[in-house]
Amino acid sequence: LASRNSAARGYGYFQRKKVLSIEKVDEGVFKSRVSGSDGKRYDVYID
């Protein structure tokens, strides 16, 4: 579902360990905090 650009940039974030924290909420459901390129931190929820 991600654009090519989002996938590539997300992979770069993954490689640079920009995911600061991660919590398993349920099976296949996670919350995380990710450091953005502008120094801000973003709250992420994935299912």
All heavy atoms as atom14 arrays in JSON, in Angstrom:
{
  "sequence": "LASRNSAARGYGYFQRKKVLSIEKVDEGVFKSRVSGSDGKRYDVYID",
  "atom14_mask": [
    [1, 1, 1, 1, 1, 1, 1, 1, 0, 0, 0, 0, 0, 0],
    [1, 1, 1, 1, 1, 0, 0, 0, 0, 0, 0, 0, 0, 0],
    [1, 1, 1, 1, 1, 1, 0, 0, 0, 0, 0, 0, 0, 0],
    [1, 1, 1, 1, 1, 1, 1, 1, 1, 1, 1, 0, 0, 0],
    [1, 1, 1, 1, 1, 1, 1, 1, 0, 0, 0, 0, 0, 0],
    [1, 1, 1, 1, 1, 1, 0, 0, 0, 0, 0, 0, 0, 0],
    [1, 1, 1, 1, 1, 0, 0, 0, 0, 0, 0, 0, 0, 0],
    [1, 1, 1, 1, 1, 0, 0, 0, 0, 0, 0, 0, 0, 0],
    [1, 1, 1, 1, 1, 1, 1, 1, 1, 1, 1, 0, 0, 0],
    [1, 1, 1, 1, 0, 0, 0, 0, 0, 0, 0, 0, 0, 0],
    [1, 1, 1, 1, 1, 1, 1, 1, 1, 1, 1, 1, 0, 0],
    [1, 1, 1, 1, 0, 0, 0, 0, 0, 0, 0, 0, 0, 0],
    [1, 1, 1, 1, 1, 1, 1, 1, 1, 1, 1, 1, 0, 0],
    [1, 1, 1, 1, 1, 1, 1, 1, 1, 1, 1, 0, 0, 0],
    [1, 1, 1, 1, 1, 1, 1, 1, 1, 0, 0, 0, 0, 0],
    [1, 1, 1, 1, 1, 1, 1, 1, 1, 1, 1, 0, 0, 0],
    [1, 1, 1, 1, 1, 1, 1, 1, 1, 0, 0, 0, 0, 0],
    [1, 1, 1, 1, 1, 1, 1, 1, 1, 0, 0, 0, 0, 0],
    [1, 1, 1, 1, 1, 1, 1, 0, 0, 0, 0, 0, 0, 0],
    [1, 1, 1, 1, 1, 1, 1, 1, 0, 0, 0, 0, 0, 0],
    [1, 1, 1, 1, 1, 1, 0, 0, 0, 0, 0, 0, 0, 0],
    [1, 1, 1, 1, 1, 1, 1, 1, 0, 0, 0, 0, 0, 0],
    [1, 1, 1, 1, 1, 1, 1, 1, 1, 0, 0, 0, 0, 0],
    [1, 1, 1, 1, 1, 1, 1, 1, 1, 0, 0, 0, 0, 0],
    [1, 1, 1, 1, 1, 1, 1, 0, 0, 0, 0, 0, 0, 0],
    [1, 1, 1, 1, 1, 1, 1, 1, 0, 0, 0, 0, 0, 0],
    [1, 1, 1, 1, 1, 1, 1, 1, 1, 0, 0, 0, 0, 0],
    [1, 1, 1, 1, 0, 0, 0, 0, 0, 0, 0, 0, 0, 0],
    [1, 1, 1, 1, 1, 1, 1, 0, 0, 0, 0, 0, 0, 0],
    [1, 1, 1, 1, 1, 1, 1, 1, 1, 1, 1, 0, 0, 0],
    [1, 1, 1, 1, 1, 1, 1, 1, 1, 0, 0, 0, 0, 0],
    [1, 1, 1, 1, 1, 1, 0, 0, 0, 0, 0, 0, 0, 0],
    [1, 1, 1, 1, 1, 1, 1, 1, 1, 1, 1, 0, 0, 0],
    [1, 1, 1, 1, 1, 1, 1, 0, 0, 0, 0, 0, 0, 0],
    [1, 1, 1, 1, 1, 1, 0, 0, 0, 0, 0, 0, 0, 0],
    [1, 1, 1, 1, 0, 0, 0, 0, 0, 0, 0, 0, 0, 0],
    [1, 1, 1, 1, 1, 1, 0, 0, 0, 0, 0, 0, 0, 0],
    [1, 1, 1, 1, 1, 1, 1, 1, 0, 0, 0, 0, 0, 0],
    [1, 1, 1, 1, 0, 0, 0, 0, 0, 0, 0, 0, 0, 0],
    [1, 1, 1, 1, 1, 1, 1, 1, 1, 0, 0, 0, 0, 0],
    [1, 1, 1, 1, 1, 1, 1, 1, 1, 1, 1, 0, 0, 0],
    [1, 1, 1, 1, 1, 1, 1, 1, 1, 1, 1, 1, 0, 0],
    [1, 1, 1, 1, 1, 1, 1, 1, 0, 0, 0, 0, 0, 0],
    [1, 1, 1, 1, 1, 1, 1, 0, 0, 0, 0, 0, 0, 0],
    [1, 1, 1, 1, 1, 1, 1, 1, 1, 1, 1, 1, 0, 0],
    [1, 1, 1, 1, 1, 1, 1, 1, 0, 0, 0, 0, 0, 0],
    [1, 1, 1, 1, 1, 1, 1, 1, 0, 0, 0, 0, 0, 0]
  ],
  "atom14_positions": [
    [[0.81, -1.22, 0.0], [0.0, 0.0, 0.0], [0.85, 1.28, 0.0], [0.35, 2.35, -0.3], [-0.93, 0.02, 1.22], [-2.01, -1.05, 1.24], [-2.72, -1.05, 2.59], [-3.0, -0.81, 0.11], [0.0, 0.0, 0.0], [0.0, 0.0, 0.0], [0.0, 0.0, 0.0], [0.0, 0.0, 0.0], [0.0, 0.0, 0.0], [0.0, 0.0, 0.0]],
    [[2.12, 1.14, 0.33], [3.01, 2.3, 0.39], [3.46, 2.7, -1.01], [3.62, 1.85, -1.88], [4.23, 1.98, 1.26], [0.0, 0.0, 0.0], [0.0, 0.0, 0.0], [0.0, 0.0, 0.0], [0.0, 0.0, 0.0], [0.0, 0.0, 0.0], [0.0, 0.0, 0.0], [0.0, 0.0, 0.0], [0.0, 0.0, 0.0], [0.0, 0.0, 0.0]],
    [[3.67, 3.99, -1.2], [4.24, 4.44, -2.47], [5.68, 3.96, -2.54], [6.29, 3.59, -1.53], [4.21, 5.97, -2.56], [5.14, 6.53, -1.64], [0.0, 0.0, 0.0], [0.0, 0.0, 0.0], [0.0, 0.0, 0.0], [0.0, 0.0, 0.0], [0.0, 0.0, 0.0], [0.0, 0.0, 0.0], [0.0, 0.0, 0.0], [0.0, 0.0, 0.0]],
    [[6.22, 3.97, -3.73], [7.62, 3.57, -3.93], [8.55, 4.44, -3.09], [9.5, 3.96, -2.48], [7.95, 3.71, -5.41], [8.84, 2.66, -5.94], [8.96, 2.8, -7.47], [10.22, 2.31, -7.91], [10.51, 1.04, -8.09], [9.6, 0.13, -7.89], [11.7, 0.67, -8.48], [0.0, 0.0, 0.0], [0.0, 0.0, 0.0], [0.0, 0.0, 0.0]],
    [[8.25, 5.72, -3.05], [9.07, 6.67, -2.29], [8.98, 6.39, -0.79], [10.0, 6.38, -0.1], [8.62, 8.1, -2.62], [9.56, 9.13, -2.06], [10.77, 8.99, -2.14], [9.0, 10.17, -1.48], [0.0, 0.0, 0.0], [0.0, 0.0, 0.0], [0.0, 0.0, 0.0], [0.0, 0.0, 0.0], [0.0, 0.0, 0.0], [0.0, 0.0, 0.0]],
    [[7.77, 6.19, -0.29], [7.6, 5.9, 1.15], [8.3, 4.6, 1.52], [8.9, 4.49, 2.59], [6.12, 5.82, 1.51], [5.53, 7.1, 1.47], [0.0, 0.0, 0.0], [0.0, 0.0, 0.0], [0.0, 0.0, 0.0], [0.0, 0.0, 0.0], [0.0, 0.0, 0.0], [0.0, 0.0, 0.0], [0.0, 0.0, 0.0], [0.0, 0.0, 0.0]],
    [[8.21, 3.61, 0.65], [8.87, 2.32, 0.92], [10.38, 2.5, 1.0], [11.03, 2.02, 1.94], [8.5, 1.3, -0.14], [0.0, 0.0, 0.0], [0.0, 0.0, 0.0], [0.0, 0.0, 0.0], [0.0, 0.0, 0.0], [0.0, 0.0, 0.0], [0.0, 0.0, 0.0], [0.0, 0.0, 0.0], [0.0, 0.0, 0.0], [0.0, 0.0, 0.0]],
    [[10.95, 3.2, 0.04], [12.4, 3.4, 0.01], [12.87, 4.21, 1.22], [13.86, 3.87, 1.87], [12.81, 4.08, -1.29], [0.0, 0.0, 0.0], [0.0, 0.0, 0.0], [0.0, 0.0, 0.0], [0.0, 0.0, 0.0], [0.0, 0.0, 0.0], [0.0, 0.0, 0.0], [0.0, 0.0, 0.0], [0.0, 0.0, 0.0], [0.0, 0.0, 0.0]],
    [[12.16, 5.28, 1.51], [12.55, 6.13, 2.64], [12.32, 5.4, 3.96], [13.12, 5.52, 4.89], [11.81, 7.45, 2.58], [12.27, 8.24, 1.33], [11.58, 9.54, 1.18], [12.11, 10.47, 2.18], [11.53, 11.62, 2.48], [10.42, 11.98, 1.88], [12.07, 12.41, 3.39], [0.0, 0.0, 0.0], [0.0, 0.0, 0.0], [0.0, 0.0, 0.0]],
    [[11.25, 4.62, 4.05], [10.99, 3.83, 5.25], [12.07, 2.79, 5.47], [12.49, 2.55, 6.61], [0.0, 0.0, 0.0], [0.0, 0.0, 0.0], [0.0, 0.0, 0.0], [0.0, 0.0, 0.0], [0.0, 0.0, 0.0], [0.0, 0.0, 0.0], [0.0, 0.0, 0.0], [0.0, 0.0, 0.0], [0.0, 0.0, 0.0], [0.0, 0.0, 0.0]],
    [[12.54, 2.2, 4.37], [13.63, 1.22, 4.49], [14.89, 1.91, 5.01], [15.6, 1.37, 5.86], [13.9, 0.52, 3.16], [14.97, -0.52, 3.27], [14.7, -1.73, 3.9], [16.24, -0.3, 2.78], [15.69, -2.7, 4.03], [17.23, -1.26, 2.9], [16.96, -2.46, 3.53], [17.94, -3.41, 3.67], [0.0, 0.0, 0.0], [0.0, 0.0, 0.0]],
    [[15.16, 3.11, 4.53], [16.3, 3.88, 5.02], [16.18, 4.18, 6.51], [17.16, 4.08, 7.27], [0.0, 0.0, 0.0], [0.0, 0.0, 0.0], [0.0, 0.0, 0.0], [0.0, 0.0, 0.0], [0.0, 0.0, 0.0], [0.0, 0.0, 0.0], [0.0, 0.0, 0.0], [0.0, 0.0, 0.0], [0.0, 0.0, 0.0], [0.0, 0.0, 0.0]],
    [[14.99, 4.53, 6.95], [14.76, 4.77, 8.39], [14.99, 3.49, 9.18], [15.58, 3.51, 10.26], [13.33, 5.27, 8.6], [13.17, 6.77, 8.52], [13.82, 7.52, 7.55], [12.35, 7.44, 9.41], [13.66, 8.89, 7.48], [12.17, 8.8, 9.35], [12.84, 9.53, 8.38], [12.67, 10.88, 8.33], [0.0, 0.0, 0.0], [0.0, 0.0, 0.0]],
    [[14.5, 2.39, 8.66], [14.7, 1.09, 9.3], [16.19, 0.8, 9.44], [16.67, 0.43, 10.52], [14.01, -0.01, 8.5], [14.46, -1.4, 8.81], [14.07, -2.03, 9.99], [15.28, -2.1, 7.93], [14.48, -3.33, 10.29], [15.69, -3.39, 8.22], [15.31, -4.0, 9.4], [0.0, 0.0, 0.0], [0.0, 0.0, 0.0], [0.0, 0.0, 0.0]],
    [[16.96, 1.0, 8.37], [18.39, 0.73, 8.4], [19.12, 1.63, 9.39], [20.07, 1.2, 10.04], [19.01, 0.95, 7.01], [18.68, -0.14, 6.03], [19.39, 0.11, 4.71], [19.25, 1.16, 4.11], [20.16, -0.88, 4.3], [0.0, 0.0, 0.0], [0.0, 0.0, 0.0], [0.0, 0.0, 0.0], [0.0, 0.0, 0.0], [0.0, 0.0, 0.0]],
    [[18.68, 2.89, 9.49], [19.32, 3.85, 10.4], [18.74, 3.8, 11.82], [19.07, 4.63, 12.65], [19.23, 5.26, 9.82], [20.04, 5.41, 8.55], [20.19, 6.84, 8.07], [18.97, 7.61, 7.94], [18.13, 7.55, 6.9], [18.38, 6.73, 5.89], [17.04, 8.29, 6.87], [0.0, 0.0, 0.0], [0.0, 0.0, 0.0], [0.0, 0.0, 0.0]],
    [[17.9, 2.81, 12.05], [17.32, 2.56, 13.37], [16.6, 3.79, 13.92], [16.77, 4.18, 15.08], [18.39, 2.07, 14.34], [19.17, 0.88, 13.79], [19.46, -0.12, 14.86], [20.29, -1.25, 14.37], [19.75, -2.09, 13.37], [0.0, 0.0, 0.0], [0.0, 0.0, 0.0], [0.0, 0.0, 0.0], [0.0, 0.0, 0.0], [0.0, 0.0, 0.0]],
    [[15.73, 4.38, 13.09], [14.96, 5.55, 13.48], [13.73, 5.18, 14.31], [13.07, 6.05, 14.86], [14.51, 6.33, 12.24], [15.64, 6.93, 11.45], [16.02, 8.25, 12.05], [16.8, 9.08, 11.07], [16.84, 10.46, 11.49], [0.0, 0.0, 0.0], [0.0, 0.0, 0.0], [0.0, 0.0, 0.0], [0.0, 0.0, 0.0], [0.0, 0.0, 0.0]],
    [[13.41, 3.88, 14.37], [12.31, 3.44, 15.23], [12.89, 3.39, 16.64], [13.7, 2.53, 16.96], [11.74, 2.07, 14.79], [10.63, 1.63, 15.74], [11.23, 2.15, 13.36], [0.0, 0.0, 0.0], [0.0, 0.0, 0.0], [0.0, 0.0, 0.0], [0.0, 0.0, 0.0], [0.0, 0.0, 0.0], [0.0, 0.0, 0.0], [0.0, 0.0, 0.0]],
    [[12.46, 4.35, 17.47], [13.05, 4.53, 18.8], [12.5, 3.55, 19.83], [13.22, 3.09, 20.71], [12.82, 5.96, 19.27], [13.35, 7.04, 18.33], [12.91, 8.42, 18.82], [14.86, 6.96, 18.22], [0.0, 0.0, 0.0], [0.0, 0.0, 0.0], [0.0, 0.0, 0.0], [0.0, 0.0, 0.0], [0.0, 0.0, 0.0], [0.0, 0.0, 0.0]],
    [[11.21, 3.27, 19.73], [10.59, 2.33, 20.66], [9.45, 1.62, 19.94], [8.88, 2.15, 18.99], [10.06, 3.06, 21.89], [9.02, 3.95, 21.53], [0.0, 0.0, 0.0], [0.0, 0.0, 0.0], [0.0, 0.0, 0.0], [0.0, 0.0, 0.0], [0.0, 0.0, 0.0], [0.0, 0.0, 0.0], [0.0, 0.0, 0.0], [0.0, 0.0, 0.0]],
    [[9.18, 0.42, 20.42], [8.1, -0.36, 19.81], [7.42, -1.18, 20.9], [8.09, -1.69, 21.8], [8.63, -1.24, 18.66], [7.48, -1.75, 17.85], [9.48, -2.35, 19.15], [7.8, -1.86, 16.38], [0.0, 0.0, 0.0], [0.0, 0.0, 0.0], [0.0, 0.0, 0.0], [0.0, 0.0, 0.0], [0.0, 0.0, 0.0], [0.0, 0.0, 0.0]],
    [[6.12, -1.26, 20.82], [5.33, -2.0, 21.8], [4.31, -2.86, 21.06], [3.58, -2.36, 20.2], [4.6, -1.01, 22.72], [3.65, -1.62, 23.68], [2.8, -0.57, 24.4], [3.15, 0.62, 24.42], [1.74, -0.97, 24.93], [0.0, 0.0, 0.0], [0.0, 0.0, 0.0], [0.0, 0.0, 0.0], [0.0, 0.0, 0.0], [0.0, 0.0, 0.0]],
    [[4.28, -4.13, 21.41], [3.28, -5.03, 20.81], [1.98, -4.85, 21.59], [1.94, -5.05, 22.8], [3.76, -6.48, 20.87], [2.82, -7.43, 20.19], [3.39, -8.84, 20.14], [2.44, -9.75, 19.37], [3.02, -11.09, 19.22], [0.0, 0.0, 0.0], [0.0, 0.0, 0.0], [0.0, 0.0, 0.0], [0.0, 0.0, 0.0], [0.0, 0.0, 0.0]],
    [[0.93, -4.46, 20.89], [-0.37, -4.22, 21.5], [-1.23, -5.49, 21.45], [-1.94, -5.8, 22.4], [-1.09, -3.06, 20.77], [-2.49, -2.84, 21.32], [-0.27, -1.79, 20.85], [0.0, 0.0, 0.0], [0.0, 0.0, 0.0], [0.0, 0.0, 0.0], [0.0, 0.0, 0.0], [0.0, 0.0, 0.0], [0.0, 0.0, 0.0], [0.0, 0.0, 0.0]],
    [[-1.14, -6.19, 20.33], [-1.93, -7.4, 20.11], [-1.21, -8.17, 19.01], [-0.21, -7.71, 18.47], [-3.36, -7.02, 19.68], [-4.37, -8.13, 19.92], [-3.96, -9.24, 20.3], [-5.58, -7.87, 19.74], [0.0, 0.0, 0.0], [0.0, 0.0, 0.0], [0.0, 0.0, 0.0], [0.0, 0.0, 0.0], [0.0, 0.0, 0.0], [0.0, 0.0, 0.0]],
    [[-1.75, -9.31, 18.62], [-1.14, -10.08, 17.54], [-1.17, -9.26, 16.25], [-2.24, -8.92, 15.76], [-1.88, -11.41, 17.36], [-1.17, -12.38, 16.45], [0.2, -12.78, 16.98], [0.37, -12.97, 18.2], [1.12, -12.91, 16.15], [0.0, 0.0, 0.0], [0.0, 0.0, 0.0], [0.0, 0.0, 0.0], [0.0, 0.0, 0.0], [0.0, 0.0, 0.0]],
    [[0.01, -8.92, 15.74], [0.13, -8.15, 14.5], [-0.16, -6.66, 14.65], [-0.2, -5.94, 13.65], [0.0, 0.0, 0.0], [0.0, 0.0, 0.0], [0.0, 0.0, 0.0], [0.0, 0.0, 0.0], [0.0, 0.0, 0.0], [0.0, 0.0, 0.0], [0.0, 0.0, 0.0], [0.0, 0.0, 0.0], [0.0, 0.0, 0.0], [0.0, 0.0, 0.0]],
    [[-0.35, -6.2, 15.86], [-0.65, -4.78, 16.12], [0.46, -4.2, 17.01], [0.78, -4.76, 18.06], [-2.03, -4.61, 16.8], [-2.31, -3.15, 17.09], [-3.12, -5.23, 15.94], [0.0, 0.0, 0.0], [0.0, 0.0, 0.0], [0.0, 0.0, 0.0], [0.0, 0.0, 0.0], [0.0, 0.0, 0.0], [0.0, 0.0, 0.0], [0.0, 0.0, 0.0]],
    [[1.02, -3.07, 16.54], [2.14, -2.47, 17.24], [2.01, -0.95, 17.3], [1.43, -0.33, 16.4], [3.46, -2.79, 16.51], [3.73, -4.26, 16.39], [3.2, -4.99, 15.34], [4.51, -4.91, 17.33], [3.45, -6.35, 15.22], [4.75, -6.28, 17.22], [4.22, -7.0, 16.17], [0.0, 0.0, 0.0], [0.0, 0.0, 0.0], [0.0, 0.0, 0.0]],
    [[2.57, -0.39, 18.37], [2.71, 1.06, 18.49], [4.21, 1.34, 18.51], [4.99, 0.56, 19.09], [2.14, 1.57, 19.81], [0.65, 1.63, 19.89], [0.27, 2.25, 21.23], [-1.21, 2.26, 21.43], [-1.56, 2.83, 22.75], [0.0, 0.0, 0.0], [0.0, 0.0, 0.0], [0.0, 0.0, 0.0], [0.0, 0.0, 0.0], [0.0, 0.0, 0.0]],
    [[4.58, 2.43, 17.87], [6.0, 2.79, 17.91], [6.16, 4.3, 17.95], [5.22, 5.05, 17.72], [6.74, 2.22, 16.68], [6.36, 2.93, 15.51], [0.0, 0.0, 0.0], [0.0, 0.0, 0.0], [0.0, 0.0, 0.0], [0.0, 0.0, 0.0], [0.0, 0.0, 0.0], [0.0, 0.0, 0.0], [0.0, 0.0, 0.0], [0.0, 0.0, 0.0]],
    [[7.38, 4.7, 18.25], [7.77, 6.1, 18.17], [8.96, 6.13, 17.23], [9.91, 5.36, 17.37], [8.15, 6.64, 19.53], [8.71, 8.02, 19.4], [8.34, 8.98, 20.41], [6.95, 9.29, 20.55], [6.51, 10.09, 21.5], [7.36, 10.59, 22.36], [5.25, 10.37, 21.6], [0.0, 0.0, 0.0], [0.0, 0.0, 0.0], [0.0, 0.0, 0.0]],
    [[8.85, 7.02, 16.21], [9.86, 7.08, 15.16], [10.43, 8.49, 15.09], [9.67, 9.47, 15.11], [9.25, 6.67, 13.79], [10.31, 6.72, 12.69], [8.63, 5.28, 13.86], [0.0, 0.0, 0.0], [0.0, 0.0, 0.0], [0.0, 0.0, 0.0], [0.0, 0.0, 0.0], [0.0, 0.0, 0.0], [0.0, 0.0, 0.0], [0.0, 0.0, 0.0]],
    [[11.73, 8.57, 15.0], [12.41, 9.86, 14.85], [12.33, 10.3, 13.39], [12.75, 9.57, 12.49], [13.87, 9.72, 15.28], [14.55, 10.94, 15.07], [0.0, 0.0, 0.0], [0.0, 0.0, 0.0], [0.0, 0.0, 0.0], [0.0, 0.0, 0.0], [0.0, 0.0, 0.0], [0.0, 0.0, 0.0], [0.0, 0.0, 0.0], [0.0, 0.0, 0.0]],
    [[11.8, 11.49, 13.17], [11.64, 11.99, 11.81], [12.87, 12.74, 11.33], [13.79, 13.03, 12.09], [0.0, 0.0, 0.0], [0.0, 0.0, 0.0], [0.0, 0.0, 0.0], [0.0, 0.0, 0.0], [0.0, 0.0, 0.0], [0.0, 0.0, 0.0], [0.0, 0.0, 0.0], [0.0, 0.0, 0.0], [0.0, 0.0, 0.0], [0.0, 0.0, 0.0]],
    [[12.87, 13.08, 10.05], [14.01, 13.78, 9.46], [14.17, 15.19, 10.0], [15.26, 15.74, 9.98], [13.86, 13.83, 7.93], [12.62, 14.41, 7.59], [0.0, 0.0, 0.0], [0.0, 0.0, 0.0], [0.0, 0.0, 0.0], [0.0, 0.0, 0.0], [0.0, 0.0, 0.0], [0.0, 0.0, 0.0], [0.0, 0.0, 0.0], [0.0, 0.0, 0.0]],
    [[13.08, 15.75, 10.52], [13.13, 17.12, 11.05], [13.41, 17.15, 12.55], [13.29, 18.18, 13.18], [11.82, 17.83, 10.73], [10.61, 17.03, 11.21], [10.79, 16.02, 11.91], [9.48, 17.44, 10.89], [0.0, 0.0, 0.0], [0.0, 0.0, 0.0], [0.0, 0.0, 0.0], [0.0, 0.0, 0.0], [0.0, 0.0, 0.0], [0.0, 0.0, 0.0]],
    [[13.75, 16.0, 13.12], [14.03, 15.91, 14.54], [12.79, 15.66, 15.39], [12.9, 15.38, 16.58], [0.0, 0.0, 0.0], [0.0, 0.0, 0.0], [0.0, 0.0, 0.0], [0.0, 0.0, 0.0], [0.0, 0.0, 0.0], [0.0, 0.0, 0.0], [0.0, 0.0, 0.0], [0.0, 0.0, 0.0], [0.0, 0.0, 0.0], [0.0, 0.0, 0.0]],
    [[11.61, 15.77, 14.82], [10.38, 15.49, 15.55], [10.24, 13.99, 15.73], [10.85, 13.2, 15.01], [9.17, 16.02, 14.79], [9.08, 17.52, 14.74], [7.82, 17.94, 14.01], [7.75, 19.44, 13.88], [6.6, 19.87, 13.08], [0.0, 0.0, 0.0], [0.0, 0.0, 0.0], [0.0, 0.0, 0.0], [0.0, 0.0, 0.0], [0.0, 0.0, 0.0]],
    [[9.39, 13.64, 16.67], [9.09, 12.23, 16.9], [7.63, 11.98, 16.57], [6.76, 12.79, 16.93], [9.41, 11.86, 18.33], [10.92, 11.99, 18.53], [11.35, 11.68, 19.89], [12.8, 11.85, 19.89], [13.58, 11.31, 20.76], [13.09, 10.58, 21.72], [14.88, 11.5, 20.68], [0.0, 0.0, 0.0], [0.0, 0.0, 0.0], [0.0, 0.0, 0.0]],
    [[7.4, 10.88, 15.88], [6.05, 10.57, 15.41], [5.54, 9.29, 16.06], [6.3, 8.33, 16.24], [6.03, 10.45, 13.89], [6.42, 11.75, 13.24], [7.71, 11.93, 12.74], [5.52, 12.81, 13.16], [8.07, 13.14, 12.16], [5.88, 14.02, 12.59], [7.14, 14.18, 12.1], [7.51, 15.38, 11.55], [0.0, 0.0, 0.0], [0.0, 0.0, 0.0]],
    [[4.26, 9.31, 16.37], [3.6, 8.14, 16.94], [2.96, 7.35, 15.81], [2.22, 7.89, 14.99], [2.54, 8.59, 17.95], [3.16, 9.3, 19.14], [4.19, 8.82, 19.64], [2.61, 10.34, 19.57], [0.0, 0.0, 0.0], [0.0, 0.0, 0.0], [0.0, 0.0, 0.0], [0.0, 0.0, 0.0], [0.0, 0.0, 0.0], [0.0, 0.0, 0.0]],
    [[3.28, 6.06, 15.8], [2.83, 5.18, 14.73], [2.05, 4.02, 15.33], [2.41, 3.51, 16.39], [4.05, 4.64, 13.92], [3.62, 3.63, 12.89], [4.83, 5.78, 13.29], [0.0, 0.0, 0.0], [0.0, 0.0, 0.0], [0.0, 0.0, 0.0], [0.0, 0.0, 0.0], [0.0, 0.0, 0.0], [0.0, 0.0, 0.0], [0.0, 0.0, 0.0]],
    [[1.01, 3.64, 14.64], [0.2, 2.48, 14.99], [0.09, 1.64, 13.73], [-0.32, 2.16, 12.69], [-1.19, 2.95, 15.47], [-2.19, 1.84, 15.65], [-2.33, 1.21, 16.88], [-3.01, 1.45, 14.6], [-3.28, 0.2, 17.06], [-3.95, 0.44, 14.77], [-4.07, -0.18, 15.98], [-5.0, -1.18, 16.16], [0.0, 0.0, 0.0], [0.0, 0.0, 0.0]],
    [[0.5, 0.39, 13.79], [0.34, -0.47, 12.61], [-0.44, -1.72, 12.99], [-0.34, -2.22, 14.1], [1.67, -0.86, 11.93], [2.52, -1.77, 12.79], [2.44, 0.38, 11.51], [3.67, -2.43, 12.05], [0.0, 0.0, 0.0], [0.0, 0.0, 0.0], [0.0, 0.0, 0.0], [0.0, 0.0, 0.0], [0.0, 0.0, 0.0], [0.0, 0.0, 0.0]],
    [[-1.21, -2.16, 12.01], [-1.97, -3.4, 12.14], [-1.61, -4.21, 10.89], [-2.07, -3.9, 9.79], [-3.46, -3.09, 12.21], [-4.31, -4.33, 12.44], [-3.87, -5.44, 12.08], [-5.44, -4.17, 12.95], [0.0, 0.0, 0.0], [0.0, 0.0, 0.0], [0.0, 0.0, 0.0], [0.0, 0.0, 0.0], [0.0, 0.0, 0.0], [0.0, 0.0, 0.0]]
  ]
}
